[in-house]
Amino acid sequence: MTVNEDTLMYWQRLLACAERLPATTGLEDWYAALLATLGEGVTPFELALLGGRLAQTPGLAFLAGYQGALRALWPSAPWTLGALCVTENRSVRPADMQVRLEGLSLSGRKDFVTAADASDWLLVAARSELPGASPQVALCVTYNGAPGVRVDVLPPLSLMPDVSHGRLYLEAAQCERLPGDGWDAYAKPFRTLEDLHVLTALLAWLYGVAGDNAWPQPLKLRVLALLGSCAEVARQGANEPATHLLLAGVFEQFNHLRGEIDSAMAAGEPHWQDLWKRDNSLLEIARAARDKRLQNALATL
């Protein structure tokens, strides 16, 4: 039996890591420093895992997981910061989308885009059907600062204030259309990919905090075991019902540990406790969608 050296390497890097990257004033600078530290050829899962471990805050861990999820979705994505732009008027339903694709030109508005101002490239979900036809979604890539592309930064949120959000305005912005159905091949599976990679990054951040604050060894090992479970889920197809079931199991295990994690945080340095109190609900944002995917998966299986 042979050991996958690449896989062994990223686990060794996680376990041996003793430092974090400094939190810079700009997300672009922090992300560039992260990529320089990780080196070339890093996989989306490694980006989430090691990025979370190197992050100073849950927000920066989230950013690493989010970027890992984007690259799992679109393997040929540039290695600069990117963002997925779907939400309009608090809805992600195709029927509610007003952004339109005409030829290779995008027009409309996206209302809540993670790190929009810091992102180099933007994946935009847009309606593309002929008049009178059922809603059809295309996914297109355009670039921040290009003609017809404007981002307005929104006020910081109380949750993860170090990660900005913006409103995207498109006015006949030139784009490239990605192959495949924009909803089934991209927007829909991204929800699962984001949940997985953000959970991975947050668990890696917690593992680092555990080492700095002398958490009980059994708790540290259980956090590490959850990361191993995330690695296995990352090997599965994002649209598979079994994947949704496995991921739900990992989240259930994490929720079961929350009481111990909260107690360990309360007994450690106030700095980490304050960050955890501020940002620990970030995984609750998509809980309803996860529960729905689980029920659909159980019905299918």
C-alpha atoms as a PDB file:
ATOM      1  CA  MET A   1       0.000   0.000   0.000  1.00  0.00           C
ATOM      2  CA  THR A   2       1.350   3.411  -0.941  1.00  0.00           C
ATOM      3  CA  VAL A   3       0.780   6.731   0.816  1.00  0.00           C
ATOM      4  CA  ASN A   4      -0.325   9.749  -1.173  1.00  0.00           C
ATOM      5  CA  GLU A   5       2.595  12.089  -0.497  1.00  0.00           C
ATOM      6  CA  ASP A   6       0.633  15.228  -1.401  1.00  0.00           C
ATOM      7  CA  THR A   7      -2.131  14.357   1.064  1.00  0.00           C
ATOM      8  CA  LEU A   8       0.402  13.498   3.757  1.00  0.00           C
ATOM      9  CA  MET A   9       2.144  16.802   3.164  1.00  0.00           C
ATOM     10  CA  TYR A  10      -0.869  19.005   3.813  1.00  0.00           C
ATOM     11  CA  TRP A  11      -1.740  17.147   7.012  1.00  0.00           C
ATOM     12  CA  GLN A  12       1.853  17.526   8.162  1.00  0.00           C
ATOM     13  CA  ARG A  13       1.743  21.237   7.347  1.00  0.00           C
ATOM     14  CA  LEU A  14      -1.440  21.636   9.374  1.00  0.00           C
ATOM     15  CA  LEU A  15      -0.040  19.787  12.380  1.00  0.00           C
ATOM     16  CA  ALA A  16       3.338  21.524  12.268  1.00  0.00           C
ATOM     17  CA  CYS A  17       2.024  25.046  11.756  1.00  0.00           C
ATOM     18  CA  ALA A  18       2.809  27.346  14.667  1.00  0.00           C
ATOM     19  CA  GLU A  19       2.279  30.819  13.226  1.00  0.00           C
ATOM     20  CA  ARG A  20      -0.490  32.796  11.554  1.00  0.00           C
ATOM     21  CA  LEU A  21      -0.284  35.291   8.746  1.00  0.00           C
ATOM     22  CA  PRO A  22      -0.589  38.898   9.920  1.00  0.00           C
ATOM     23  CA  ALA A  23      -4.023  40.411   9.338  1.00  0.00           C
ATOM     24  CA  THR A  24      -3.396  43.165   6.782  1.00  0.00           C
ATOM     25  CA  THR A  25      -5.591  46.140   5.981  1.00  0.00           C
ATOM     26  CA  GLY A  26      -6.615  44.727   2.600  1.00  0.00           C
ATOM     27  CA  LEU A  27      -8.076  41.331   1.768  1.00  0.00           C
ATOM     28  CA  GLU A  28      -6.062  41.258  -1.470  1.00  0.00           C
ATOM     29  CA  ASP A  29      -2.782  41.605   0.439  1.00  0.00           C
ATOM     30  CA  TRP A  30      -3.695  38.916   2.943  1.00  0.00           C
ATOM     31  CA  TYR A  31      -4.767  36.511   0.231  1.00  0.00           C
ATOM     32  CA  ALA A  32      -1.620  37.174  -1.819  1.00  0.00           C
ATOM     33  CA  ALA A  33       0.470  36.429   1.284  1.00  0.00           C
ATOM     34  CA  LEU A  34      -1.496  33.228   1.820  1.00  0.00           C
ATOM     35  CA  LEU A  35      -0.838  32.009  -1.724  1.00  0.00           C
ATOM     36  CA  ALA A  36       2.839  32.902  -1.425  1.00  0.00           C
ATOM     37  CA  THR A  37       3.027  30.851   1.770  1.00  0.00           C
ATOM     38  CA  LEU A  38       1.185  27.821   0.384  1.00  0.00           C
ATOM     39  CA  GLY A  39       3.033  27.733  -2.941  1.00  0.00           C
ATOM     40  CA  GLU A  40       1.926  26.527  -6.345  1.00  0.00           C
ATOM     41  CA  GLY A  41      -0.316  23.536  -6.988  1.00  0.00           C
ATOM     42  CA  VAL A  42      -2.422  23.830  -3.842  1.00  0.00           C
ATOM     43  CA  THR A  43      -5.810  22.107  -4.148  1.00  0.00           C
ATOM     44  CA  PRO A  44      -9.108  23.784  -3.190  1.00  0.00           C
ATOM     45  CA  PHE A  45      -9.312  21.671  -0.028  1.00  0.00           C
ATOM     46  CA  GLU A  46      -5.742  22.536   0.964  1.00  0.00           C
ATOM     47  CA  LEU A  47      -6.497  26.214   0.385  1.00  0.00           C
ATOM     48  CA  ALA A  48      -9.399  26.003   2.832  1.00  0.00           C
ATOM     49  CA  LEU A  49      -7.576  23.809   5.354  1.00  0.00           C
ATOM     50  CA  LEU A  50      -4.242  25.620   5.498  1.00  0.00           C
ATOM     51  CA  GLY A  51      -5.781  29.034   4.872  1.00  0.00           C
ATOM     52  CA  GLY A  52      -8.026  28.533   7.881  1.00  0.00           C
ATOM     53  CA  ARG A  53      -5.082  27.485  10.032  1.00  0.00           C
ATOM     54  CA  LEU A  54      -3.053  30.534   8.964  1.00  0.00           C
ATOM     55  CA  ALA A  55      -5.919  32.995   9.489  1.00  0.00           C
ATOM     56  CA  GLN A  56      -5.956  35.393  12.422  1.00  0.00           C
ATOM     57  CA  THR A  57      -9.769  35.607  12.499  1.00  0.00           C
ATOM     58  CA  PRO A  58     -12.792  33.473  11.619  1.00  0.00           C
ATOM     59  CA  GLY A  59     -13.557  36.016   8.888  1.00  0.00           C
ATOM     60  CA  LEU A  60     -10.218  35.438   7.157  1.00  0.00           C
ATOM     61  CA  ALA A  61     -10.696  31.688   7.594  1.00  0.00           C
ATOM     62  CA  PHE A  62     -14.068  32.085   5.901  1.00  0.00           C
ATOM     63  CA  LEU A  63     -12.380  33.944   3.029  1.00  0.00           C
ATOM     64  CA  ALA A  64      -9.922  31.078   2.516  1.00  0.00           C
ATOM     65  CA  GLY A  65     -12.750  28.534   2.536  1.00  0.00           C
ATOM     66  CA  TYR A  66     -14.812  30.634   0.150  1.00  0.00           C
ATOM     67  CA  GLN A  67     -11.936  30.887  -2.309  1.00  0.00           C
ATOM     68  CA  GLY A  68     -11.361  27.141  -2.047  1.00  0.00           C
ATOM     69  CA  ALA A  69     -15.020  26.520  -2.841  1.00  0.00           C
ATOM     70  CA  LEU A  70     -14.818  28.802  -5.905  1.00  0.00           C
ATOM     71  CA  ARG A  71     -11.881  26.818  -7.245  1.00  0.00           C
ATOM     72  CA  ALA A  72     -13.614  23.520  -6.583  1.00  0.00           C
ATOM     73  CA  LEU A  73     -16.502  24.916  -8.632  1.00  0.00           C
ATOM     74  CA  TRP A  74     -14.352  26.352 -11.443  1.00  0.00           C
ATOM     75  CA  PRO A  75     -10.971  24.576 -11.531  1.00  0.00           C
ATOM     76  CA  SER A  76      -9.543  26.954 -14.153  1.00  0.00           C
ATOM     77  CA  ALA A  77     -10.276  30.070 -12.062  1.00  0.00           C
ATOM     78  CA  PRO A  78      -7.471  32.639 -11.825  1.00  0.00           C
ATOM     79  CA  TRP A  79      -5.482  32.523  -8.585  1.00  0.00           C
ATOM     80  CA  THR A  80      -6.474  36.038  -7.633  1.00  0.00           C
ATOM     81  CA  LEU A  81      -9.444  36.776  -5.369  1.00  0.00           C
ATOM     82  CA  GLY A  82     -12.831  36.001  -6.907  1.00  0.00           C
ATOM     83  CA  ALA A  83     -16.512  36.127  -5.995  1.00  0.00           C
ATOM     84  CA  LEU A  84     -19.762  34.418  -6.991  1.00  0.00           C
ATOM     85  CA  CYS A  85     -22.597  36.859  -7.675  1.00  0.00           C
ATOM     86  CA  VAL A  86     -26.076  35.324  -7.445  1.00  0.00           C
ATOM     87  CA  THR A  87     -28.233  37.151  -4.867  1.00  0.00           C
ATOM     88  CA  GLU A  88     -30.729  39.783  -5.997  1.00  0.00           C
ATOM     89  CA  ASN A  89     -33.173  41.365  -3.538  1.00  0.00           C
ATOM     90  CA  ARG A  90     -32.341  38.677  -0.955  1.00  0.00           C
ATOM     91  CA  SER A  91     -33.282  35.892  -3.378  1.00  0.00           C
ATOM     92  CA  VAL A  92     -31.208  33.362  -5.296  1.00  0.00           C
ATOM     93  CA  ARG A  93     -34.134  31.855  -7.216  1.00  0.00           C
ATOM     94  CA  PRO A  94     -33.643  31.888 -11.006  1.00  0.00           C
ATOM     95  CA  ALA A  95     -37.160  33.246 -11.509  1.00  0.00           C
ATOM     96  CA  ASP A  96     -36.312  36.288  -9.360  1.00  0.00           C
ATOM     97  CA  MET A  97     -33.115  37.202 -11.211  1.00  0.00           C
ATOM     98  CA  GLN A  98     -33.125  40.393 -13.245  1.00  0.00           C
ATOM     99  CA  VAL A  99     -29.501  40.435 -14.415  1.00  0.00           C
ATOM    100  CA  ARG A 100     -29.561  39.614 -18.124  1.00  0.00           C
ATOM    101  CA  LEU A 101     -27.064  38.168 -20.562  1.00  0.00           C
ATOM    102  CA  GLU A 102     -27.414  39.502 -24.095  1.00  0.00           C
ATOM    103  CA  GLY A 103     -24.814  37.976 -26.378  1.00  0.00           C
ATOM    104  CA  LEU A 104     -21.684  38.388 -24.239  1.00  0.00           C
ATOM    105  CA  SER A 105     -22.902  41.472 -22.415  1.00  0.00           C
ATOM    106  CA  LEU A 106     -24.221  41.651 -18.824  1.00  0.00           C
ATOM    107  CA  SER A 107     -26.626  44.226 -17.409  1.00  0.00           C
ATOM    108  CA  GLY A 108     -28.305  44.458 -14.017  1.00  0.00           C
ATOM    109  CA  ARG A 109     -27.464  44.431 -10.313  1.00  0.00           C
ATOM    110  CA  LYS A 110     -26.331  41.902  -7.719  1.00  0.00           C
ATOM    111  CA  ASP A 111     -27.045  42.954  -4.166  1.00  0.00           C
ATOM    112  CA  PHE A 112     -24.786  41.014  -1.792  1.00  0.00           C
ATOM    113  CA  VAL A 113     -21.384  39.912  -3.067  1.00  0.00           C
ATOM    114  CA  THR A 114     -18.702  38.659  -0.696  1.00  0.00           C
ATOM    115  CA  ALA A 115     -15.420  40.602  -0.969  1.00  0.00           C
ATOM    116  CA  ALA A 116     -16.717  42.239  -4.141  1.00  0.00           C
ATOM    117  CA  ASP A 117     -14.459  45.283  -3.913  1.00  0.00           C
ATOM    118  CA  ALA A 118     -11.341  43.143  -3.354  1.00  0.00           C
ATOM    119  CA  SER A 119     -12.109  40.558  -6.039  1.00  0.00           C
ATOM    120  CA  ASP A 120     -10.312  40.553  -9.353  1.00  0.00           C
ATOM    121  CA  TRP A 121     -12.852  38.374 -11.168  1.00  0.00           C
ATOM    122  CA  LEU A 122     -16.592  37.937 -10.698  1.00  0.00           C
ATOM    123  CA  LEU A 123     -18.740  34.936 -11.562  1.00  0.00           C
ATOM    124  CA  VAL A 124     -22.174  36.320 -12.393  1.00  0.00           C
ATOM    125  CA  ALA A 125     -25.372  34.281 -12.668  1.00  0.00           C
ATOM    126  CA  ALA A 126     -27.606  35.840 -15.326  1.00  0.00           C
ATOM    127  CA  ARG A 127     -30.869  35.045 -17.088  1.00  0.00           C
ATOM    128  CA  SER A 128     -30.308  34.017 -20.689  1.00  0.00           C
ATOM    129  CA  GLU A 129     -33.586  32.580 -22.040  1.00  0.00           C
ATOM    130  CA  LEU A 130     -35.503  33.976 -24.978  1.00  0.00           C
ATOM    131  CA  PRO A 131     -38.554  36.192 -24.209  1.00  0.00           C
ATOM    132  CA  GLY A 132     -41.477  34.125 -22.939  1.00  0.00           C
ATOM    133  CA  ALA A 133     -39.394  31.022 -22.207  1.00  0.00           C
ATOM    134  CA  SER A 134     -38.846  29.430 -18.798  1.00  0.00           C
ATOM    135  CA  PRO A 135     -36.005  30.955 -16.746  1.00  0.00           C
ATOM    136  CA  GLN A 136     -32.592  29.770 -17.862  1.00  0.00           C
ATOM    137  CA  VAL A 137     -29.399  30.755 -16.064  1.00  0.00           C
ATOM    138  CA  ALA A 138     -25.932  31.248 -17.506  1.00  0.00           C
ATOM    139  CA  LEU A 139     -22.780  31.735 -15.454  1.00  0.00           C
ATOM    140  CA  CYS A 140     -20.402  34.344 -16.813  1.00  0.00           C
ATOM    141  CA  VAL A 141     -17.066  35.742 -15.741  1.00  0.00           C
ATOM    142  CA  THR A 142     -16.292  39.435 -15.852  1.00  0.00           C
ATOM    143  CA  TYR A 143     -13.602  41.531 -14.193  1.00  0.00           C
ATOM    144  CA  ASN A 144     -13.632  44.192 -11.538  1.00  0.00           C
ATOM    145  CA  GLY A 145     -12.833  47.624 -12.951  1.00  0.00           C
ATOM    146  CA  ALA A 146     -13.706  46.696 -16.538  1.00  0.00           C
ATOM    147  CA  PRO A 147     -15.993  49.045 -18.507  1.00  0.00           C
ATOM    148  CA  GLY A 148     -19.565  48.716 -17.267  1.00  0.00           C
ATOM    149  CA  VAL A 149     -18.565  47.015 -13.979  1.00  0.00           C
ATOM    150  CA  ARG A 150     -18.967  48.954 -10.717  1.00  0.00           C
ATOM    151  CA  VAL A 151     -18.919  47.862  -7.076  1.00  0.00           C
ATOM    152  CA  ASP A 152     -20.349  49.853  -4.172  1.00  0.00           C
ATOM    153  CA  VAL A 153     -19.084  48.715  -0.782  1.00  0.00           C
ATOM    154  CA  LEU A 154     -21.837  48.017   1.757  1.00  0.00           C
ATOM    155  CA  PRO A 155     -21.562  48.951   5.453  1.00  0.00           C
ATOM    156  CA  PRO A 156     -19.639  46.360   7.519  1.00  0.00           C
ATOM    157  CA  LEU A 157     -21.695  43.633   9.144  1.00  0.00           C
ATOM    158  CA  SER A 158     -21.479  42.798  12.836  1.00  0.00           C
ATOM    159  CA  LEU A 159     -20.617  39.244  11.739  1.00  0.00           C
ATOM    160  CA  MET A 160     -17.145  38.984  10.180  1.00  0.00           C
ATOM    161  CA  PRO A 161     -16.673  42.750   9.775  1.00  0.00           C
ATOM    162  CA  ASP A 162     -13.192  42.125   8.362  1.00  0.00           C
ATOM    163  CA  VAL A 163     -14.714  40.581   5.213  1.00  0.00           C
ATOM    164  CA  SER A 164     -16.385  43.200   3.055  1.00  0.00           C
ATOM    165  CA  HIS A 165     -19.552  42.865   0.990  1.00  0.00           C
ATOM    166  CA  GLY A 166     -20.622  44.914  -1.976  1.00  0.00           C
ATOM    167  CA  ARG A 167     -23.358  45.651  -4.483  1.00  0.00           C
ATOM    168  CA  LEU A 168     -22.426  44.955  -8.097  1.00  0.00           C
ATOM    169  CA  TYR A 169     -23.708  47.124 -10.951  1.00  0.00           C
ATOM    170  CA  LEU A 170     -23.390  45.898 -14.534  1.00  0.00           C
ATOM    171  CA  GLU A 171     -24.061  48.039 -17.570  1.00  0.00           C
ATOM    172  CA  ALA A 172     -23.369  46.273 -20.876  1.00  0.00           C
ATOM    173  CA  ALA A 173     -20.309  44.688 -19.251  1.00  0.00           C
ATOM    174  CA  GLN A 174     -18.392  42.324 -21.487  1.00  0.00           C
ATOM    175  CA  CYS A 175     -18.053  38.768 -20.212  1.00  0.00           C
ATOM    176  CA  GLU A 176     -17.152  35.188 -21.011  1.00  0.00           C
ATOM    177  CA  ARG A 177     -19.855  32.539 -20.650  1.00  0.00           C
ATOM    178  CA  LEU A 178     -18.845  29.346 -18.886  1.00  0.00           C
ATOM    179  CA  PRO A 179     -19.992  26.035 -20.406  1.00  0.00           C
ATOM    180  CA  GLY A 180     -22.962  24.227 -18.927  1.00  0.00           C
ATOM    181  CA  ASP A 181     -26.159  25.283 -17.199  1.00  0.00           C
ATOM    182  CA  GLY A 182     -25.501  28.184 -14.864  1.00  0.00           C
ATOM    183  CA  TRP A 183     -27.839  26.892 -12.183  1.00  0.00           C
ATOM    184  CA  ASP A 184     -27.407  23.112 -12.154  1.00  0.00           C
ATOM    185  CA  ALA A 185     -23.690  23.093 -12.928  1.00  0.00           C
ATOM    186  CA  TYR A 186     -22.600  26.087 -10.844  1.00  0.00           C
ATOM    187  CA  ALA A 187     -24.963  28.035  -8.571  1.00  0.00           C
ATOM    188  CA  LYS A 188     -26.649  24.973  -7.069  1.00  0.00           C
ATOM    189  CA  PRO A 189     -23.538  22.867  -6.288  1.00  0.00           C
ATOM    190  CA  PHE A 190     -21.675  25.911  -4.978  1.00  0.00           C
ATOM    191  CA  ARG A 191     -23.898  25.961  -1.902  1.00  0.00           C
ATOM    192  CA  THR A 192     -22.576  22.527  -0.916  1.00  0.00           C
ATOM    193  CA  LEU A 193     -18.985  23.368  -1.852  1.00  0.00           C
ATOM    194  CA  GLU A 194     -19.106  26.569   0.180  1.00  0.00           C
ATOM    195  CA  ASP A 195     -20.549  24.824   3.242  1.00  0.00           C
ATOM    196  CA  LEU A 196     -17.823  22.163   3.101  1.00  0.00           C
ATOM    197  CA  HIS A 197     -14.842  24.425   2.490  1.00  0.00           C
ATOM    198  CA  VAL A 198     -15.910  27.106   4.976  1.00  0.00           C
ATOM    199  CA  LEU A 199     -16.495  24.456   7.650  1.00  0.00           C
ATOM    200  CA  THR A 200     -13.035  23.043   6.884  1.00  0.00           C
ATOM    201  CA  ALA A 201     -11.422  26.463   7.211  1.00  0.00           C
ATOM    202  CA  LEU A 202     -13.223  27.267  10.461  1.00  0.00           C
ATOM    203  CA  LEU A 203     -12.299  23.898  11.983  1.00  0.00           C
ATOM    204  CA  ALA A 204      -8.658  24.484  11.017  1.00  0.00           C
ATOM    205  CA  TRP A 205      -8.813  27.905  12.688  1.00  0.00           C
ATOM    206  CA  LEU A 206     -10.254  26.286  15.809  1.00  0.00           C
ATOM    207  CA  TYR A 207      -7.514  23.663  15.766  1.00  0.00           C
ATOM    208  CA  GLY A 208      -4.939  26.460  15.818  1.00  0.00           C
ATOM    209  CA  VAL A 209      -6.709  28.189  18.702  1.00  0.00           C
ATOM    210  CA  ALA A 210      -6.822  24.853  20.536  1.00  0.00           C
ATOM    211  CA  GLY A 211      -3.049  24.547  20.300  1.00  0.00           C
ATOM    212  CA  ASP A 212      -2.453  28.098  21.518  1.00  0.00           C
ATOM    213  CA  ASN A 213      -4.777  27.730  24.495  1.00  0.00           C
ATOM    214  CA  ALA A 214      -3.980  24.194  25.688  1.00  0.00           C
ATOM    215  CA  TRP A 215      -7.426  22.792  25.023  1.00  0.00           C
ATOM    216  CA  PRO A 216      -8.066  19.284  26.392  1.00  0.00           C
ATOM    217  CA  GLN A 217      -6.408  16.720  24.150  1.00  0.00           C
ATOM    218  CA  PRO A 218      -9.628  14.740  23.492  1.00  0.00           C
ATOM    219  CA  LEU A 219     -11.326  17.890  22.178  1.00  0.00           C
ATOM    220  CA  LYS A 220      -8.366  18.732  19.930  1.00  0.00           C
ATOM    221  CA  LEU A 221      -8.438  15.207  18.522  1.00  0.00           C
ATOM    222  CA  ARG A 222     -12.159  15.398  17.827  1.00  0.00           C
ATOM    223  CA  VAL A 223     -11.681  18.667  15.929  1.00  0.00           C
ATOM    224  CA  LEU A 224      -8.898  16.992  13.941  1.00  0.00           C
ATOM    225  CA  ALA A 225     -11.140  13.998  13.230  1.00  0.00           C
ATOM    226  CA  LEU A 226     -13.800  16.337  11.837  1.00  0.00           C
ATOM    227  CA  LEU A 227     -11.198  17.752   9.458  1.00  0.00           C
ATOM    228  CA  GLY A 228     -10.460  14.220   8.299  1.00  0.00           C
ATOM    229  CA  SER A 229     -14.166  13.748   7.622  1.00  0.00           C
ATOM    230  CA  CYS A 230     -14.230  16.983   5.622  1.00  0.00           C
ATOM    231  CA  ALA A 231     -11.338  15.700   3.507  1.00  0.00           C
ATOM    232  CA  GLU A 232     -13.336  12.598   2.595  1.00  0.00           C
ATOM    233  CA  VAL A 233     -16.471  14.602   1.739  1.00  0.00           C
ATOM    234  CA  ALA A 234     -14.325  16.808  -0.513  1.00  0.00           C
ATOM    235  CA  ARG A 235     -13.592  13.728  -2.621  1.00  0.00           C
ATOM    236  CA  GLN A 236     -17.287  13.307  -3.482  1.00  0.00           C
ATOM    237  CA  GLY A 237     -19.376  14.962  -6.179  1.00  0.00           C
ATOM    238  CA  ALA A 238     -21.117  18.106  -4.932  1.00  0.00           C
ATOM    239  CA  ASN A 239     -24.467  17.160  -6.510  1.00  0.00           C
ATOM    240  CA  GLU A 240     -24.592  13.603  -5.173  1.00  0.00           C
ATOM    241  CA  PRO A 241     -27.273  12.845  -2.537  1.00  0.00           C
ATOM    242  CA  ALA A 242     -24.752  10.806  -0.554  1.00  0.00           C
ATOM    243  CA  THR A 243     -22.507  13.862  -0.346  1.00  0.00           C
ATOM    244  CA  HIS A 244     -25.278  15.893   1.252  1.00  0.00           C
ATOM    245  CA  LEU A 245     -25.873  13.104   3.749  1.00  0.00           C
ATOM    246  CA  LEU A 246     -22.173  12.811   4.634  1.00  0.00           C
ATOM    247  CA  LEU A 247     -21.794  16.570   4.969  1.00  0.00           C
ATOM    248  CA  ALA A 248     -24.856  16.741   7.210  1.00  0.00           C
ATOM    249  CA  GLY A 249     -23.195  14.132   9.410  1.00  0.00           C
ATOM    250  CA  VAL A 250     -20.074  16.262   9.761  1.00  0.00           C
ATOM    251  CA  PHE A 251     -22.134  19.316  10.682  1.00  0.00           C
ATOM    252  CA  GLU A 252     -24.047  17.234  13.233  1.00  0.00           C
ATOM    253  CA  GLN A 253     -20.774  16.153  14.839  1.00  0.00           C
ATOM    254  CA  PHE A 254     -19.558  19.747  14.885  1.00  0.00           C
ATOM    255  CA  ASN A 255     -22.786  20.956  16.506  1.00  0.00           C
ATOM    256  CA  HIS A 256     -22.404  18.220  19.114  1.00  0.00           C
ATOM    257  CA  LEU A 257     -18.978  19.654  20.027  1.00  0.00           C
ATOM    258  CA  ARG A 258     -20.135  23.262  20.266  1.00  0.00           C
ATOM    259  CA  GLY A 259     -20.675  23.144  24.022  1.00  0.00           C
ATOM    260  CA  GLU A 260     -17.141  21.862  24.641  1.00  0.00           C
ATOM    261  CA  ILE A 261     -15.701  24.389  22.215  1.00  0.00           C
ATOM    262  CA  ASP A 262     -17.533  27.256  23.890  1.00  0.00           C
ATOM    263  CA  SER A 263     -16.289  26.116  27.312  1.00  0.00           C
ATOM    264  CA  ALA A 264     -12.713  25.826  26.074  1.00  0.00           C
ATOM    265  CA  MET A 265     -12.924  29.287  24.536  1.00  0.00           C
ATOM    266  CA  ALA A 266     -14.214  30.738  27.799  1.00  0.00           C
ATOM    267  CA  ALA A 267     -11.242  29.257  29.669  1.00  0.00           C
ATOM    268  CA  GLY A 268      -8.667  30.625  27.201  1.00  0.00           C
ATOM    269  CA  GLU A 269      -7.369  34.003  26.121  1.00  0.00           C
ATOM    270  CA  PRO A 270     -10.108  36.675  25.902  1.00  0.00           C
ATOM    271  CA  HIS A 271      -8.933  37.670  22.405  1.00  0.00           C
ATOM    272  CA  TRP A 272      -9.940  34.330  20.910  1.00  0.00           C
ATOM    273  CA  GLN A 273     -13.117  34.163  22.952  1.00  0.00           C
ATOM    274  CA  ASP A 274     -14.191  37.584  21.678  1.00  0.00           C
ATOM    275  CA  LEU A 275     -13.571  36.592  18.052  1.00  0.00           C
ATOM    276  CA  TRP A 276     -15.498  33.362  18.545  1.00  0.00           C
ATOM    277  CA  LYS A 277     -18.463  35.116  20.182  1.00  0.00           C
ATOM    278  CA  ARG A 278     -18.573  37.614  17.325  1.00  0.00           C
ATOM    279  CA  ASP A 279     -18.321  35.182  14.406  1.00  0.00           C
ATOM    280  CA  ASN A 280     -19.334  31.697  15.566  1.00  0.00           C
ATOM    281  CA  SER A 281     -22.773  31.949  13.935  1.00  0.00           C
ATOM    282  CA  LEU A 282     -21.331  32.240  10.404  1.00  0.00           C
ATOM    283  CA  LEU A 283     -22.204  28.600   9.697  1.00  0.00           C
ATOM    284  CA  GLU A 284     -25.835  29.178  10.691  1.00  0.00           C
ATOM    285  CA  ILE A 285     -26.496  31.487   7.737  1.00  0.00           C
ATOM    286  CA  ALA A 286     -27.017  28.603   5.293  1.00  0.00           C
ATOM    287  CA  ARG A 287     -28.487  26.099   7.744  1.00  0.00           C
ATOM    288  CA  ALA A 288     -32.003  26.145   6.281  1.00  0.00           C
ATOM    289  CA  ALA A 289     -30.670  25.412   2.787  1.00  0.00           C
ATOM    290  CA  ARG A 290     -28.517  22.576   4.157  1.00  0.00           C
ATOM    291  CA  ASP A 291     -31.507  21.066   5.941  1.00  0.00           C
ATOM    292  CA  LYS A 292     -33.514  21.179   2.722  1.00  0.00           C
ATOM    293  CA  ARG A 293     -30.739  19.475   0.757  1.00  0.00           C
ATOM    294  CA  LEU A 294     -30.538  16.779   3.434  1.00  0.00           C
ATOM    295  CA  GLN A 295     -34.258  16.082   3.242  1.00  0.00           C
ATOM    296  CA  ASN A 296     -34.093  15.890  -0.551  1.00  0.00           C
ATOM    297  CA  ALA A 297     -31.102  13.542  -0.332  1.00  0.00           C
ATOM    298  CA  LEU A 298     -32.856  11.260   2.138  1.00  0.00           C
ATOM    299  CA  ALA A 299     -35.925  11.134  -0.099  1.00  0.00           C
ATOM    300  CA  THR A 300     -33.764  10.264  -3.112  1.00  0.00           C
ATOM    301  CA  LEU A 301     -31.733   7.610  -1.330  1.00  0.00           C
END
